[in-house]
Amino acid sequence: MEPELQKKLQSSVESISLLGIGLVIALLLLALGVHLLRSRYRDRDDPADASDEILDHMRDLHLEGDLSEEEFRSIKSRFDSQTKTE
């Protein structure tokens, strides 16, 4: 193989290698960014909000007659005891 052709081939291989390494680094940074954004927004979910929503739903069921007074009080006391321990 001619030295000039060999130099061009080696230069092409080096360029492709650098491009590949750059692409891998860019993908890793993108994955890290997505992970950080997802975990940031996931942490904003407040469990107390979900508990309030569940208790409101149970209250509606009680008002509609699907839950007895005793069942509703039992559920409500469990939620009250959970919120006190948190």
Foldseek 3Di string as FASTA:
>chain_A
DDPVVVVVVVVVVVVVVVVVVVVVVVVVVVVVVVVVVVVVVVVPDDVVVVLVVVLVVLVVCVVVVVDDPVRNVVSVVVSVVVVVVD
